[in-house]
């Protein structure tokens, strides 16, 4: 894993496997707190990042342990922007899933194990965009800060 911290942001690159993804998410969470991301928003960011990064590992790079994931986080006075890039498989239809959660109106033993990730990402982020260019997936997550949350510049 490589980490490059700079004024107002950081870049992180890691292997597309569960262990490195977990380490990267924890690293990002701690680093963003140090950059001044408000605590509650940092918790939201951690959940959204975990869902997005795990999707890359599990789906974009399924069966390809040689894949790499890059995360760039930049912060300004209005909020946080995160760009996740990979060269794995594209999202189906080249679009972000609708994020409709799986139904929980069923018996406990029949509850789904997944189907909530894109719902959570959409709920926690202020803006989510995806594009695929030259074989690269680019997922952008934006988190705005309320006036009370904004850090002084």
Protein backbone atom coordinates (compact mmCIF):
# COMPACT_ATOMS: atom_id res chain seq x y z
CA UNK A 1 0.00 0.00 0.00
CA UNK A 2 1.25 3.48 -0.81
CA UNK A 3 -0.02 6.61 0.90
CA UNK A 4 0.78 10.20 -0.05
CA UNK A 5 -0.61 12.91 2.22
CA UNK A 6 -0.63 16.49 1.06
CA UNK A 7 -2.15 19.73 2.25
CA UNK A 8 -5.91 19.25 2.22
CA UNK A 9 -5.89 15.70 0.88
CA UNK A 10 -4.32 12.33 0.36
CA UNK A 11 -3.72 9.65 -2.27
CA UNK A 12 -3.81 5.96 -1.49
CA UNK A 13 -3.10 2.94 -3.69
CA UNK A 14 -3.57 -0.66 -2.61
CA UNK A 15 -4.06 -4.21 -3.87
CA UNK A 16 -7.65 -5.22 -4.59
CA UNK A 17 -8.06 -7.78 -1.83
CA UNK A 18 -10.13 -7.81 1.35
CA UNK A 19 -7.21 -7.40 3.75
CA UNK A 20 -5.66 -4.41 1.96
CA UNK A 21 -9.10 -2.86 1.42
CA UNK A 22 -9.84 -3.07 5.15
CA UNK A 23 -6.46 -1.53 6.02
CA UNK A 24 -6.98 1.24 3.44
CA UNK A 25 -10.45 2.12 4.77
CA UNK A 26 -9.09 2.36 8.33
CA UNK A 27 -6.14 4.47 7.10
CA UNK A 28 -8.44 6.82 5.21
CA UNK A 29 -10.78 7.16 8.19
CA UNK A 30 -7.93 8.14 10.51
CA UNK A 31 -6.27 10.44 8.00
CA UNK A 32 -9.50 12.27 7.17
CA UNK A 33 -10.09 12.90 10.87
CA UNK A 34 -6.59 14.40 11.07
CA UNK A 35 -7.42 16.60 8.06
CA UNK A 36 -10.38 18.02 9.96
CA UNK A 37 -13.36 16.10 8.56
CA UNK A 38 -16.09 16.46 11.20
CA UNK A 39 -16.58 13.29 13.25
CA UNK A 40 -20.11 12.39 12.14
CA UNK A 41 -19.33 13.08 8.49
CA UNK A 42 -16.15 11.00 8.80
CA UNK A 43 -18.27 8.09 10.05
CA UNK A 44 -20.57 8.55 7.02
CA UNK A 45 -17.51 8.67 4.75
CA UNK A 46 -16.11 5.47 6.27
CA UNK A 47 -19.35 3.57 5.63
CA UNK A 48 -19.68 4.85 2.05
CA UNK A 49 -16.00 4.14 1.34
CA UNK A 50 -16.26 0.65 2.76
CA UNK A 51 -19.25 -0.12 0.54
CA UNK A 52 -17.68 1.38 -2.59
CA UNK A 53 -14.21 -0.14 -2.10
CA UNK A 54 -15.61 -3.55 -1.23
CA UNK A 55 -17.70 -3.41 -4.42
CA UNK A 56 -14.51 -2.81 -6.41
CA UNK A 57 -12.73 -5.73 -4.74
CA UNK A 58 -15.69 -8.14 -4.91
CA UNK A 59 -17.13 -7.24 -8.31
CA UNK A 60 -14.80 -5.17 -10.49
CA UNK A 61 -11.79 -7.33 -9.65
CA UNK A 62 -13.56 -10.62 -8.88
CA UNK A 63 -11.04 -13.35 -9.59
CA UNK A 64 -8.19 -10.89 -10.27
CA UNK A 65 -6.02 -10.51 -7.16
CA UNK A 66 -3.48 -8.46 -9.14
CA UNK A 67 -5.82 -5.47 -9.44
CA UNK A 68 -5.09 -2.11 -7.84
CA UNK A 69 -7.41 0.47 -6.34
CA UNK A 70 -6.56 4.16 -6.08
CA UNK A 71 -8.32 6.60 -3.78
CA UNK A 72 -7.80 10.36 -3.88
CA UNK A 73 -9.41 12.44 -1.14
CA UNK A 74 -9.41 16.23 -1.33
CA UNK A 75 -10.95 18.61 1.13
CA UNK A 76 -11.84 22.26 0.88
CA UNK A 77 -13.95 24.60 2.99
CA UNK A 78 -17.20 23.20 1.58
CA UNK A 79 -16.59 19.50 1.98
CA UNK A 80 -14.78 16.40 0.91
CA UNK A 81 -14.42 14.84 -2.54
CA UNK A 82 -13.26 11.28 -3.02
CA UNK A 83 -12.26 9.71 -6.32
CA UNK A 84 -11.97 5.91 -6.45
CA UNK A 85 -10.37 4.51 -9.60
CA UNK A 86 -9.74 0.98 -10.77
CA UNK A 87 -9.19 -0.94 -14.01
CA UNK A 88 -11.56 -3.78 -13.21
CA UNK A 89 -14.88 -4.67 -14.81
CA UNK A 90 -17.25 -1.75 -15.44
CA UNK A 91 -20.50 -1.25 -13.57
CA UNK A 92 -23.36 -3.04 -15.35
CA UNK A 93 -24.84 -0.78 -18.00
CA UNK A 94 -22.04 1.72 -17.29
CA UNK A 95 -24.21 3.33 -14.64
CA UNK A 96 -24.54 3.48 -10.87
CA UNK A 97 -27.19 1.09 -9.58
CA UNK A 98 -30.43 2.71 -8.41
CA UNK A 99 -29.70 1.88 -4.79
CA UNK A 100 -33.08 0.42 -3.98
CA UNK A 101 -32.56 -1.63 -0.81
CA UNK A 102 -33.41 -5.30 -0.72
CA UNK A 103 -36.68 -6.06 1.00
CA UNK A 104 -36.57 -7.06 4.65
CA UNK A 105 -40.23 -8.05 4.66
CA UNK A 106 -39.46 -11.73 5.06
CA UNK A 107 -38.71 -14.34 7.68
CA UNK A 108 -35.52 -13.76 9.64
CA UNK A 109 -33.80 -16.82 8.14
CA UNK A 110 -34.55 -15.50 4.63
CA UNK A 111 -33.16 -12.00 5.16
CA UNK A 112 -30.73 -10.95 2.41
CA UNK A 113 -27.01 -10.71 3.19
CA UNK A 114 -26.46 -7.93 0.66
CA UNK A 115 -28.32 -5.49 -1.50
CA UNK A 116 -27.91 -2.42 0.69
CA UNK A 117 -24.53 -1.01 -0.41
CA UNK A 118 -25.61 1.37 -3.16
CA UNK A 119 -28.56 2.49 -1.04
CA UNK A 120 -26.16 3.41 1.77
CA UNK A 121 -23.73 5.13 -0.58
CA UNK A 122 -26.51 7.22 -2.10
CA UNK A 123 -27.94 8.10 1.32
CA UNK A 124 -24.62 9.11 2.88
CA UNK A 125 -23.11 11.07 -0.04
CA UNK A 126 -24.28 14.43 -1.30
CA UNK A 127 -23.29 13.53 -4.85
CA UNK A 128 -22.26 10.28 -6.55
CA UNK A 129 -20.96 10.11 -10.12
CA UNK A 130 -19.49 7.31 -12.20
CA UNK A 131 -17.80 7.16 -15.55
CA UNK A 132 -15.60 4.74 -17.42
CA UNK A 133 -12.85 6.13 -19.61
CA UNK A 134 -10.03 4.25 -21.35
CA UNK A 135 -10.72 1.06 -19.35
CA UNK A 136 -10.77 2.87 -16.02
CA UNK A 137 -13.70 3.09 -13.60
CA UNK A 138 -13.98 6.46 -11.85
CA UNK A 139 -16.37 6.77 -8.93
CA UNK A 140 -16.68 10.21 -7.35
CA UNK A 141 -18.22 10.63 -3.91
CA UNK A 142 -18.89 14.10 -2.50
CA UNK A 143 -19.68 15.00 1.09
CA UNK A 144 -20.78 18.55 1.87
CA UNK A 145 -20.31 20.02 5.32
CA UNK A 146 -23.00 22.09 6.99
CA UNK A 147 -21.96 25.59 8.10
CA UNK A 148 -21.67 24.33 11.68
CA UNK A 149 -19.36 21.50 10.56
CA UNK A 150 -17.05 23.52 8.34
CA UNK A 151 -13.55 23.92 9.57
CA UNK A 152 -11.88 27.34 9.45
CA UNK A 153 -9.65 27.98 6.43
